[in-house]
Amino acid sequence: MTKKDDAAKAAANKADMERRIRAKVSCDKAAYSIQWRLLEGAVDEGTLSVAAQILQPHHYDDVETERALDGQCGNPRCAGKLPKP
Protein backbone atom coordinates (compact mmCIF):
# COMPACT_ATOMS: atom_id res chain seq x y z
CA MET A 1 0.00 0.00 0.00
CA THR A 2 1.09 3.50 -0.70
CA LYS A 3 0.81 6.48 1.55
CA LYS A 4 -1.98 7.72 -0.69
CA ASP A 5 -3.89 4.43 -0.17
CA ASP A 6 -3.34 4.66 3.58
CA ALA A 7 -4.64 8.23 3.63
CA ALA A 8 -7.71 7.25 1.60
CA LYS A 9 -8.41 4.31 3.91
CA ALA A 10 -8.01 6.53 7.00
CA ALA A 11 -10.39 9.11 5.50
CA ALA A 12 -12.96 6.40 4.71
CA ASN A 13 -12.67 5.01 8.26
CA LYS A 14 -13.11 8.48 9.72
CA ALA A 15 -16.18 9.13 7.54
CA ASP A 16 -17.68 5.77 8.54
CA MET A 17 -17.08 6.46 12.23
CA GLU A 18 -18.66 9.90 11.93
CA ARG A 19 -21.70 8.39 10.18
CA ARG A 20 -22.12 5.79 12.94
CA ILE A 21 -21.78 8.41 15.68
CA ARG A 22 -24.35 10.66 14.01
CA ALA A 23 -26.76 7.71 13.68
CA LYS A 24 -26.34 6.87 17.37
CA VAL A 25 -26.90 10.47 18.41
CA SER A 26 -30.05 10.56 16.29
CA CYS A 27 -31.34 7.37 17.97
CA ASP A 28 -30.51 8.73 21.42
CA LYS A 29 -32.41 11.95 20.68
CA ALA A 30 -35.45 9.98 19.52
CA ALA A 31 -35.35 7.81 22.66
CA TYR A 32 -35.01 10.86 24.91
CA SER A 33 -37.92 12.58 23.19
CA ILE A 34 -40.28 9.62 23.50
CA GLN A 35 -39.22 9.06 27.13
CA TRP A 36 -40.29 12.60 27.96
CA ARG A 37 -43.60 12.03 26.21
CA LEU A 38 -44.19 8.91 28.34
CA LEU A 39 -43.51 10.93 31.51
CA GLU A 40 -46.19 13.55 30.78
CA GLY A 41 -49.14 11.42 31.94
CA ALA A 42 -51.28 8.77 30.31
CA VAL A 43 -50.56 8.14 26.62
CA ASP A 44 -52.62 6.44 23.94
CA GLU A 45 -51.89 3.07 22.35
CA GLY A 46 -50.34 4.71 19.26
CA THR A 47 -47.76 6.60 21.31
CA LEU A 48 -46.90 3.48 23.25
CA SER A 49 -46.55 1.54 19.99
CA VAL A 50 -44.09 4.12 18.64
CA ALA A 51 -42.20 4.01 21.92
CA ALA A 52 -41.90 0.22 21.67
CA GLN A 53 -40.17 0.60 18.31
CA ILE A 54 -37.68 3.18 19.58
CA LEU A 55 -36.91 2.39 23.21
CA GLN A 56 -34.59 -0.28 24.52
CA PRO A 57 -35.65 -2.12 27.70
CA HIS A 58 -33.42 0.05 29.89
CA HIS A 59 -35.08 3.19 28.48
CA TYR A 60 -38.50 1.84 29.41
CA ASP A 61 -37.26 0.88 32.88
CA ASP A 62 -36.12 4.47 33.35
CA VAL A 63 -39.60 5.72 32.36
CA GLU A 64 -41.26 3.44 34.93
CA THR A 65 -38.84 4.59 37.63
CA GLU A 66 -39.25 8.29 36.84
CA ARG A 67 -43.03 7.99 36.76
CA ALA A 68 -43.00 6.27 40.17
CA LEU A 69 -40.70 8.97 41.59
CA ASP A 70 -43.20 11.54 40.31
CA GLY A 71 -46.07 9.74 42.06
CA GLN A 72 -47.56 8.32 38.86
CA CYS A 73 -48.39 4.73 38.04
CA GLY A 74 -45.39 3.21 36.24
CA ASN A 75 -47.53 2.14 33.26
CA PRO A 76 -47.54 4.97 30.69
CA ARG A 77 -51.13 4.08 29.67
CA CYS A 78 -52.35 4.67 33.25
CA ALA A 79 -53.37 8.09 34.53
CA GLY A 80 -53.49 6.87 38.13
CA LYS A 81 -51.47 8.33 40.94
CA LEU A 82 -49.61 6.27 43.50
CA PRO A 83 -50.98 6.34 47.03
CA LYS A 84 -49.16 8.61 49.45
CA PRO A 85 -47.01 6.69 51.95
PDB file of N, CA and C in Angstrom:
ATOM      1  N   MET A   1       0.833  -1.192   0.000  1.00  0.00           N
ATOM      2  CA  MET A   1       0.000   0.000   0.000  1.00  0.00           C
ATOM      3  C   MET A   1       0.873   1.249   0.000  1.00  0.00           C
ATOM      4  N   THR A   2       0.373   2.231  -0.664  1.00  0.00           N
ATOM      5  CA  THR A   2       1.091   3.498  -0.701  1.00  0.00           C
ATOM      6  C   THR A   2       0.550   4.424   0.380  1.00  0.00           C
ATOM      7  N   LYS A   3       1.271   5.500   0.579  1.00  0.00           N
ATOM      8  CA  LYS A   3       0.806   6.483   1.555  1.00  0.00           C
ATOM      9  C   LYS A   3      -0.528   7.072   1.124  1.00  0.00           C
ATOM     10  N   LYS A   4      -0.720   7.183  -0.157  1.00  0.00           N
ATOM     11  CA  LYS A   4      -1.984   7.718  -0.687  1.00  0.00           C
ATOM     12  C   LYS A   4      -3.133   6.756  -0.358  1.00  0.00           C
ATOM     13  N   ASP A   5      -2.884   5.451  -0.504  1.00  0.00           N
ATOM     14  CA  ASP A   5      -3.890   4.433  -0.173  1.00  0.00           C
ATOM     15  C   ASP A   5      -4.206   4.460   1.323  1.00  0.00           C
ATOM     16  N   ASP A   6      -3.157   4.591   2.132  1.00  0.00           N
ATOM     17  CA  ASP A   6      -3.345   4.659   3.584  1.00  0.00           C
ATOM     18  C   ASP A   6      -4.179   5.876   3.969  1.00  0.00           C
ATOM     19  N   ALA A   7      -3.897   7.006   3.333  1.00  0.00           N
ATOM     20  CA  ALA A   7      -4.639   8.229   3.626  1.00  0.00           C
ATOM     21  C   ALA A   7      -6.100   8.081   3.209  1.00  0.00           C
ATOM     22  N   ALA A   8      -6.338   7.455   2.070  1.00  0.00           N
ATOM     23  CA  ALA A   8      -7.711   7.246   1.596  1.00  0.00           C
ATOM     24  C   ALA A   8      -8.468   6.306   2.534  1.00  0.00           C
ATOM     25  N   LYS A   9      -7.782   5.264   2.987  1.00  0.00           N
ATOM     26  CA  LYS A   9      -8.406   4.308   3.906  1.00  0.00           C
ATOM     27  C   LYS A   9      -8.726   4.990   5.237  1.00  0.00           C
ATOM     28  N   ALA A  10      -7.796   5.797   5.739  1.00  0.00           N
ATOM     29  CA  ALA A  10      -8.012   6.526   6.996  1.00  0.00           C
ATOM     30  C   ALA A  10      -9.189   7.494   6.863  1.00  0.00           C
ATOM     31  N   ALA A  11      -9.284   8.176   5.724  1.00  0.00           N
ATOM     32  CA  ALA A  11     -10.392   9.107   5.499  1.00  0.00           C
ATOM     33  C   ALA A  11     -11.725   8.355   5.445  1.00  0.00           C
ATOM     34  N   ALA A  12     -11.737   7.200   4.799  1.00  0.00           N
ATOM     35  CA  ALA A  12     -12.958   6.397   4.715  1.00  0.00           C
ATOM     36  C   ALA A  12     -13.366   5.901   6.098  1.00  0.00           C
ATOM     37  N   ASN A  13     -12.380   5.461   6.893  1.00  0.00           N
ATOM     38  CA  ASN A  13     -12.671   5.006   8.261  1.00  0.00           C
ATOM     39  C   ASN A  13     -13.228   6.139   9.110  1.00  0.00           C
ATOM     40  N   LYS A  14     -12.651   7.322   8.959  1.00  0.00           N
ATOM     41  CA  LYS A  14     -13.111   8.478   9.716  1.00  0.00           C
ATOM     42  C   LYS A  14     -14.543   8.833   9.314  1.00  0.00           C
ATOM     43  N   ALA A  15     -14.835   8.816   8.027  1.00  0.00           N
ATOM     44  CA  ALA A  15     -16.179   9.126   7.545  1.00  0.00           C
ATOM     45  C   ALA A  15     -17.186   8.097   8.045  1.00  0.00           C
ATOM     46  N   ASP A  16     -16.794   6.820   8.052  1.00  0.00           N
ATOM     47  CA  ASP A  16     -17.682   5.771   8.537  1.00  0.00           C
ATOM     48  C   ASP A  16     -17.947   5.943  10.033  1.00  0.00           C
ATOM     49  N   MET A  17     -16.916   6.262  10.799  1.00  0.00           N
ATOM     50  CA  MET A  17     -17.078   6.462  12.227  1.00  0.00           C
ATOM     51  C   MET A  17     -17.999   7.654  12.505  1.00  0.00           C
ATOM     52  N   GLU A  18     -17.812   8.716  11.754  1.00  0.00           N
ATOM     53  CA  GLU A  18     -18.658   9.900  11.931  1.00  0.00           C
ATOM     54  C   GLU A  18     -20.114   9.571  11.603  1.00  0.00           C
ATOM     55  N   ARG A  19     -20.337   8.790  10.558  1.00  0.00           N
ATOM     56  CA  ARG A  19     -21.703   8.388  10.182  1.00  0.00           C
ATOM     57  C   ARG A  19     -22.347   7.570  11.300  1.00  0.00           C
ATOM     58  N   ARG A  20     -21.595   6.628  11.862  1.00  0.00           N
ATOM     59  CA  ARG A  20     -22.120   5.787  12.939  1.00  0.00           C
ATOM     60  C   ARG A  20     -22.424   6.613  14.190  1.00  0.00           C
ATOM     61  N   ILE A  21     -21.559   7.557  14.512  1.00  0.00           N
ATOM     62  CA  ILE A  21     -21.782   8.413  15.684  1.00  0.00           C
ATOM     63  C   ILE A  21     -23.030   9.265  15.476  1.00  0.00           C
ATOM     64  N   ARG A  22     -23.171   9.837  14.294  1.00  0.00           N
ATOM     65  CA  ARG A  22     -24.354  10.665  14.010  1.00  0.00           C
ATOM     66  C   ARG A  22     -25.643   9.832  14.091  1.00  0.00           C
ATOM     67  N   ALA A  23     -25.597   8.596  13.605  1.00  0.00           N
ATOM     68  CA  ALA A  23     -26.764   7.713  13.676  1.00  0.00           C
ATOM     69  C   ALA A  23     -27.110   7.411  15.134  1.00  0.00           C
ATOM     70  N   LYS A  24     -26.095   7.154  15.951  1.00  0.00           N
ATOM     71  CA  LYS A  24     -26.339   6.868  17.366  1.00  0.00           C
ATOM     72  C   LYS A  24     -26.918   8.083  18.072  1.00  0.00           C
ATOM     73  N   VAL A  25     -26.388   9.246  17.799  1.00  0.00           N
ATOM     74  CA  VAL A  25     -26.899  10.472  18.413  1.00  0.00           C
ATOM     75  C   VAL A  25     -28.359  10.686  18.009  1.00  0.00           C
ATOM     76  N   SER A  26     -28.673  10.426  16.761  1.00  0.00           N
ATOM     77  CA  SER A  26     -30.050  10.562  16.293  1.00  0.00           C
ATOM     78  C   SER A  26     -30.978   9.600  17.036  1.00  0.00           C
ATOM     79  N   CYS A  27     -30.553   8.361  17.217  1.00  0.00           N
ATOM     80  CA  CYS A  27     -31.342   7.370  17.967  1.00  0.00           C
ATOM     81  C   CYS A  27     -31.507   7.783  19.422  1.00  0.00           C
ATOM     82  N   ASP A  28     -30.439   8.284  20.024  1.00  0.00           N
ATOM     83  CA  ASP A  28     -30.505   8.726  21.420  1.00  0.00           C
ATOM     84  C   ASP A  28     -31.474   9.893  21.584  1.00  0.00           C
ATOM     85  N   LYS A  29     -31.478  10.820  20.623  1.00  0.00           N
ATOM     86  CA  LYS A  29     -32.405  11.953  20.681  1.00  0.00           C
ATOM     87  C   LYS A  29     -33.848  11.473  20.563  1.00  0.00           C
ATOM     88  N   ALA A  30     -34.097  10.518  19.679  1.00  0.00           N
ATOM     89  CA  ALA A  30     -35.449   9.978  19.521  1.00  0.00           C
ATOM     90  C   ALA A  30     -35.899   9.285  20.804  1.00  0.00           C
ATOM     91  N   ALA A  31     -35.018   8.508  21.418  1.00  0.00           N
ATOM     92  CA  ALA A  31     -35.353   7.812  22.661  1.00  0.00           C
ATOM     93  C   ALA A  31     -35.637   8.819  23.771  1.00  0.00           C
ATOM     94  N   TYR A  32     -34.820   9.838  23.885  1.00  0.00           N
ATOM     95  CA  TYR A  32     -35.006  10.859  24.906  1.00  0.00           C
ATOM     96  C   TYR A  32     -36.346  11.560  24.724  1.00  0.00           C
ATOM     97  N   SER A  33     -36.672  11.888  23.495  1.00  0.00           N
ATOM     98  CA  SER A  33     -37.923  12.585  23.194  1.00  0.00           C
ATOM     99  C   SER A  33     -39.140  11.735  23.572  1.00  0.00           C
ATOM    100  N   ILE A  34     -39.130  10.474  23.194  1.00  0.00           N
ATOM    101  CA  ILE A  34     -40.277   9.622  23.499  1.00  0.00           C
ATOM    102  C   ILE A  34     -40.343   9.324  24.994  1.00  0.00           C
ATOM    103  N   GLN A  35     -39.197   9.241  25.672  1.00  0.00           N
ATOM    104  CA  GLN A  35     -39.217   9.057  27.127  1.00  0.00           C
ATOM    105  C   GLN A  35     -39.932  10.224  27.802  1.00  0.00           C
ATOM    106  N   TRP A  36     -39.626  11.433  27.374  1.00  0.00           N
ATOM    107  CA  TRP A  36     -40.287  12.600  27.958  1.00  0.00           C
ATOM    108  C   TRP A  36     -41.784  12.555  27.714  1.00  0.00           C
ATOM    109  N   ARG A  37     -42.170  12.125  26.517  1.00  0.00           N
ATOM    110  CA  ARG A  37     -43.603  12.033  26.213  1.00  0.00           C
ATOM    111  C   ARG A  37     -44.283  11.032  27.152  1.00  0.00           C
ATOM    112  N   LEU A  38     -43.616   9.932  27.466  1.00  0.00           N
ATOM    113  CA  LEU A  38     -44.190   8.914  28.343  1.00  0.00           C
ATOM    114  C   LEU A  38     -44.242   9.368  29.805  1.00  0.00           C
ATOM    115  N   LEU A  39     -43.508  10.410  30.134  1.00  0.00           N
ATOM    116  CA  LEU A  39     -43.514  10.927  31.506  1.00  0.00           C
ATOM    117  C   LEU A  39     -44.606  11.967  31.733  1.00  0.00           C
ATOM    118  N   GLU A  40     -45.235  12.440  30.684  1.00  0.00           N
ATOM    119  CA  GLU A  40     -46.186  13.546  30.777  1.00  0.00           C
ATOM    120  C   GLU A  40     -47.568  13.140  31.261  1.00  0.00           C
ATOM    121  N   GLY A  41     -47.812  11.884  31.527  1.00  0.00           N
ATOM    122  CA  GLY A  41     -49.135  11.420  31.935  1.00  0.00           C
ATOM    123  C   GLY A  41     -49.526  10.246  31.068  1.00  0.00           C
ATOM    124  N   ALA A  42     -50.804   9.913  31.089  1.00  0.00           N
ATOM    125  CA  ALA A  42     -51.276   8.767  30.315  1.00  0.00           C
ATOM    126  C   ALA A  42     -51.136   9.041  28.815  1.00  0.00           C
ATOM    127  N   VAL A  43     -50.708   8.030  28.078  1.00  0.00           N
ATOM    128  CA  VAL A  43     -50.558   8.145  26.624  1.00  0.00           C
ATOM    129  C   VAL A  43     -51.475   7.131  25.949  1.00  0.00           C
ATOM    130  N   ASP A  44     -51.756   7.361  24.671  1.00  0.00           N
ATOM    131  CA  ASP A  44     -52.618   6.435  23.939  1.00  0.00           C
ATOM    132  C   ASP A  44     -51.814   5.255  23.390  1.00  0.00           C
ATOM    133  N   GLU A  45     -52.523   4.294  22.856  1.00  0.00           N
ATOM    134  CA  GLU A  45     -51.887   3.073  22.353  1.00  0.00           C
ATOM    135  C   GLU A  45     -50.901   3.375  21.224  1.00  0.00           C
ATOM    136  N   GLY A  46     -51.222   4.353  20.374  1.00  0.00           N
ATOM    137  CA  GLY A  46     -50.338   4.710  19.261  1.00  0.00           C
ATOM    138  C   GLY A  46     -48.986   5.219  19.736  1.00  0.00           C
ATOM    139  N   THR A  47     -49.010   6.076  20.749  1.00  0.00           N
ATOM    140  CA  THR A  47     -47.761   6.604  21.307  1.00  0.00           C
ATOM    141  C   THR A  47     -46.940   5.479  21.927  1.00  0.00           C
ATOM    142  N   LEU A  48     -47.614   4.595  22.638  1.00  0.00           N
ATOM    143  CA  LEU A  48     -46.901   3.478  23.253  1.00  0.00           C
ATOM    144  C   LEU A  48     -46.327   2.539  22.193  1.00  0.00           C
ATOM    145  N   SER A  49     -47.039   2.382  21.086  1.00  0.00           N
ATOM    146  CA  SER A  49     -46.550   1.542  19.986  1.00  0.00           C
ATOM    147  C   SER A  49     -45.282   2.136  19.360  1.00  0.00           C
ATOM    148  N   VAL A  50     -45.286   3.437  19.163  1.00  0.00           N
ATOM    149  CA  VAL A  50     -44.093   4.119  18.636  1.00  0.00           C
ATOM    150  C   VAL A  50     -42.940   3.970  19.623  1.00  0.00           C
ATOM    151  N   ALA A  51     -43.238   4.141  20.895  1.00  0.00           N
ATOM    152  CA  ALA A  51     -42.200   4.010  21.923  1.00  0.00           C
ATOM    153  C   ALA A  51     -41.584   2.620  21.899  1.00  0.00           C
ATOM    154  N   ALA A  52     -42.403   1.602  21.691  1.00  0.00           N
ATOM    155  CA  ALA A  52     -41.903   0.225  21.671  1.00  0.00           C
ATOM    156  C   ALA A  52     -40.932  -0.010  20.521  1.00  0.00           C
ATOM    157  N   GLN A  53     -41.070   0.744  19.453  1.00  0.00           N
ATOM    158  CA  GLN A  53     -40.174   0.602  18.305  1.00  0.00           C
ATOM    159  C   GLN A  53     -38.855   1.330  18.521  1.00  0.00           C
ATOM    160  N   ILE A  54     -38.857   2.329  19.393  1.00  0.00           N
ATOM    161  CA  ILE A  54     -37.677   3.179  19.578  1.00  0.00           C
ATOM    162  C   ILE A  54     -36.882   2.815  20.826  1.00  0.00           C
ATOM    163  N   LEU A  55     -37.584   2.560  21.922  1.00  0.00           N
ATOM    164  CA  LEU A  55     -36.908   2.388  23.211  1.00  0.00           C
ATOM    165  C   LEU A  55     -36.324   0.995  23.395  1.00  0.00           C
ATOM    166  N   GLN A  56     -35.190   0.964  24.057  1.00  0.00           N
ATOM    167  CA  GLN A  56     -34.590  -0.278  24.520  1.00  0.00           C
ATOM    168  C   GLN A  56     -35.177  -0.568  25.907  1.00  0.00           C
ATOM    169  N   PRO A  57     -35.086  -1.813  26.374  1.00  0.00           N
ATOM    170  CA  PRO A  57     -35.655  -2.123  27.696  1.00  0.00           C
ATOM    171  C   PRO A  57     -35.175  -1.204  28.825  1.00  0.00           C
ATOM    172  N   HIS A  58     -33.907  -0.825  28.814  1.00  0.00           N
ATOM    173  CA  HIS A  58     -33.421   0.046  29.887  1.00  0.00           C
ATOM    174  C   HIS A  58     -34.046   1.437  29.815  1.00  0.00           C
ATOM    175  N   HIS A  59     -34.394   1.900  28.608  1.00  0.00           N
ATOM    176  CA  HIS A  59     -35.076   3.187  28.478  1.00  0.00           C
ATOM    177  C   HIS A  59     -36.452   3.109  29.134  1.00  0.00           C
ATOM    178  N   TYR A  60     -37.163   2.008  28.856  1.00  0.00           N
ATOM    179  CA  TYR A  60     -38.504   1.843  29.415  1.00  0.00           C
ATOM    180  C   TYR A  60     -38.436   1.709  30.937  1.00  0.00           C
ATOM    181  N   ASP A  61     -37.438   0.998  31.434  1.00  0.00           N
ATOM    182  CA  ASP A  61     -37.259   0.878  32.885  1.00  0.00           C
ATOM    183  C   ASP A  61     -37.073   2.253  33.513  1.00  0.00           C
ATOM    184  N   ASP A  62     -36.325   3.111  32.844  1.00  0.00           N
ATOM    185  CA  ASP A  62     -36.118   4.473  33.346  1.00  0.00           C
ATOM    186  C   ASP A  62     -37.433   5.244  33.399  1.00  0.00           C
ATOM    187  N   VAL A  63     -38.293   5.055  32.387  1.00  0.00           N
ATOM    188  CA  VAL A  63     -39.595   5.719  32.364  1.00  0.00           C
ATOM    189  C   VAL A  63     -40.427   5.263  33.559  1.00  0.00           C
ATOM    190  N   GLU A  64     -40.490   3.958  33.795  1.00  0.00           N
ATOM    191  CA  GLU A  64     -41.258   3.444  34.932  1.00  0.00           C
ATOM    192  C   GLU A  64     -40.745   4.021  36.249  1.00  0.00           C
ATOM    193  N   THR A  65     -39.433   4.062  36.402  1.00  0.00           N
ATOM    194  CA  THR A  65     -38.835   4.591  37.633  1.00  0.00           C
ATOM    195  C   THR A  65     -39.160   6.069  37.805  1.00  0.00           C
ATOM    196  N   GLU A  66     -38.984   6.849  36.761  1.00  0.00           N
ATOM    197  CA  GLU A  66     -39.249   8.291  36.842  1.00  0.00           C
ATOM    198  C   GLU A  66     -40.718   8.579  37.127  1.00  0.00           C
ATOM    199  N   ARG A  67     -41.600   7.805  36.508  1.00  0.00           N
ATOM    200  CA  ARG A  67     -43.035   7.989  36.765  1.00  0.00           C
ATOM    201  C   ARG A  67     -43.343   7.697  38.233  1.00  0.00           C
ATOM    202  N   ALA A  68     -42.771   6.626  38.764  1.00  0.00           N
ATOM    203  CA  ALA A  68     -43.004   6.274  40.166  1.00  0.00           C
ATOM    204  C   ALA A  68     -42.461   7.365  41.094  1.00  0.00           C
ATOM    205  N   LEU A  69     -41.279   7.892  40.778  1.00  0.00           N
ATOM    206  CA  LEU A  69     -40.705   8.967  41.595  1.00  0.00           C
ATOM    207  C   LEU A  69     -41.572  10.222  41.567  1.00  0.00           C
ATOM    208  N   ASP A  70     -42.308  10.389  40.471  1.00  0.00           N
ATOM    209  CA  ASP A  70     -43.200  11.536  40.312  1.00  0.00           C
ATOM    210  C   ASP A  70     -44.592  11.257  40.888  1.00  0.00           C
ATOM    211  N   GLY A  71     -44.787  10.074  41.454  1.00  0.00           N
ATOM    212  CA  GLY A  71     -46.069   9.739  42.059  1.00  0.00           C
ATOM    213  C   GLY A  71     -47.102   9.203  41.084  1.00  0.00           C
ATOM    214  N   GLN A  72     -46.653   8.856  39.875  1.00  0.00           N
ATOM    215  CA  GLN A  72     -47.559   8.319  38.862  1.00  0.00           C
ATOM    216  C   GLN A  72     -47.427   6.801  38.812  1.00  0.00           C
ATOM    217  N   CYS A  73     -48.475   6.158  38.327  1.00  0.00           N
ATOM    218  CA  CYS A  73     -48.389   4.733  38.037  1.00  0.00           C
ATOM    219  C   CYS A  73     -47.264   4.535  37.019  1.00  0.00           C
ATOM    220  N   GLY A  74     -46.510   3.457  37.142  1.00  0.00           N
ATOM    221  CA  GLY A  74     -45.391   3.211  36.239  1.00  0.00           C
ATOM    222  C   GLY A  74     -45.797   2.902  34.814  1.00  0.00           C
ATOM    223  N   ASN A  75     -47.032   2.464  34.605  1.00  0.00           N
ATOM    224  CA  ASN A  75     -47.527   2.138  33.263  1.00  0.00           C
ATOM    225  C   ASN A  75     -47.900   3.423  32.531  1.00  0.00           C
ATOM    226  N   PRO A  76     -47.246   3.732  31.411  1.00  0.00           N
ATOM    227  CA  PRO A  76     -47.535   4.969  30.692  1.00  0.00           C
ATOM    228  C   PRO A  76     -48.981   5.099  30.189  1.00  0.00           C
ATOM    229  N   ARG A  77     -49.719   4.003  30.094  1.00  0.00           N
ATOM    230  CA  ARG A  77     -51.130   4.076  29.674  1.00  0.00           C
ATOM    231  C   ARG A  77     -52.038   4.478  30.825  1.00  0.00           C
ATOM    232  N   CYS A  78     -51.545   4.433  32.047  1.00  0.00           N
ATOM    233  CA  CYS A  78     -52.355   4.669  33.246  1.00  0.00           C
ATOM    234  C   CYS A  78     -52.229   6.121  33.706  1.00  0.00           C
ATOM    235  N   ALA A  79     -53.362   6.719  34.013  1.00  0.00           N
ATOM    236  CA  ALA A  79     -53.374   8.091  34.526  1.00  0.00           C
ATOM    237  C   ALA A  79     -53.402   8.118  36.050  1.00  0.00           C
ATOM    238  N   GLY A  80     -53.389   6.950  36.684  1.00  0.00           N
ATOM    239  CA  GLY A  80     -53.493   6.875  38.129  1.00  0.00           C
ATOM    240  C   GLY A  80     -52.277   7.407  38.867  1.00  0.00           C
ATOM    241  N   LYS A  81     -52.542   7.863  40.058  1.00  0.00           N
ATOM    242  CA  LYS A  81     -51.467   8.331  40.943  1.00  0.00           C
ATOM    243  C   LYS A  81     -51.191   7.252  41.976  1.00  0.00           C
ATOM    244  N   LEU A  82     -49.958   7.201  42.437  1.00  0.00           N
ATOM    245  CA  LEU A  82     -49.608   6.272  43.495  1.00  0.00           C
ATOM    246  C   LEU A  82     -50.127   6.791  44.834  1.00  0.00           C
ATOM    247  N   PRO A  83     -50.511   5.879  45.718  1.00  0.00           N
ATOM    248  CA  PRO A  83     -50.981   6.340  47.030  1.00  0.00           C
ATOM    249  C   PRO A  83     -49.829   6.973  47.811  1.00  0.00           C
ATOM    250  N   LYS A  84     -50.158   7.951  48.611  1.00  0.00           N
ATOM    251  CA  LYS A  84     -49.156   8.611  49.453  1.00  0.00           C
ATOM    252  C   LYS A  84     -48.748   7.649  50.568  1.00  0.00           C
ATOM    253  N   PRO A  85     -47.456   7.586  50.871  1.00  0.00           N
ATOM    254  CA  PRO A  85     -47.007   6.688  51.951  1.00  0.00           C
ATOM    255  C   PRO A  85     -47.450   7.149  53.322  1.00  0.00           C
TER     256      PRO A  85
END
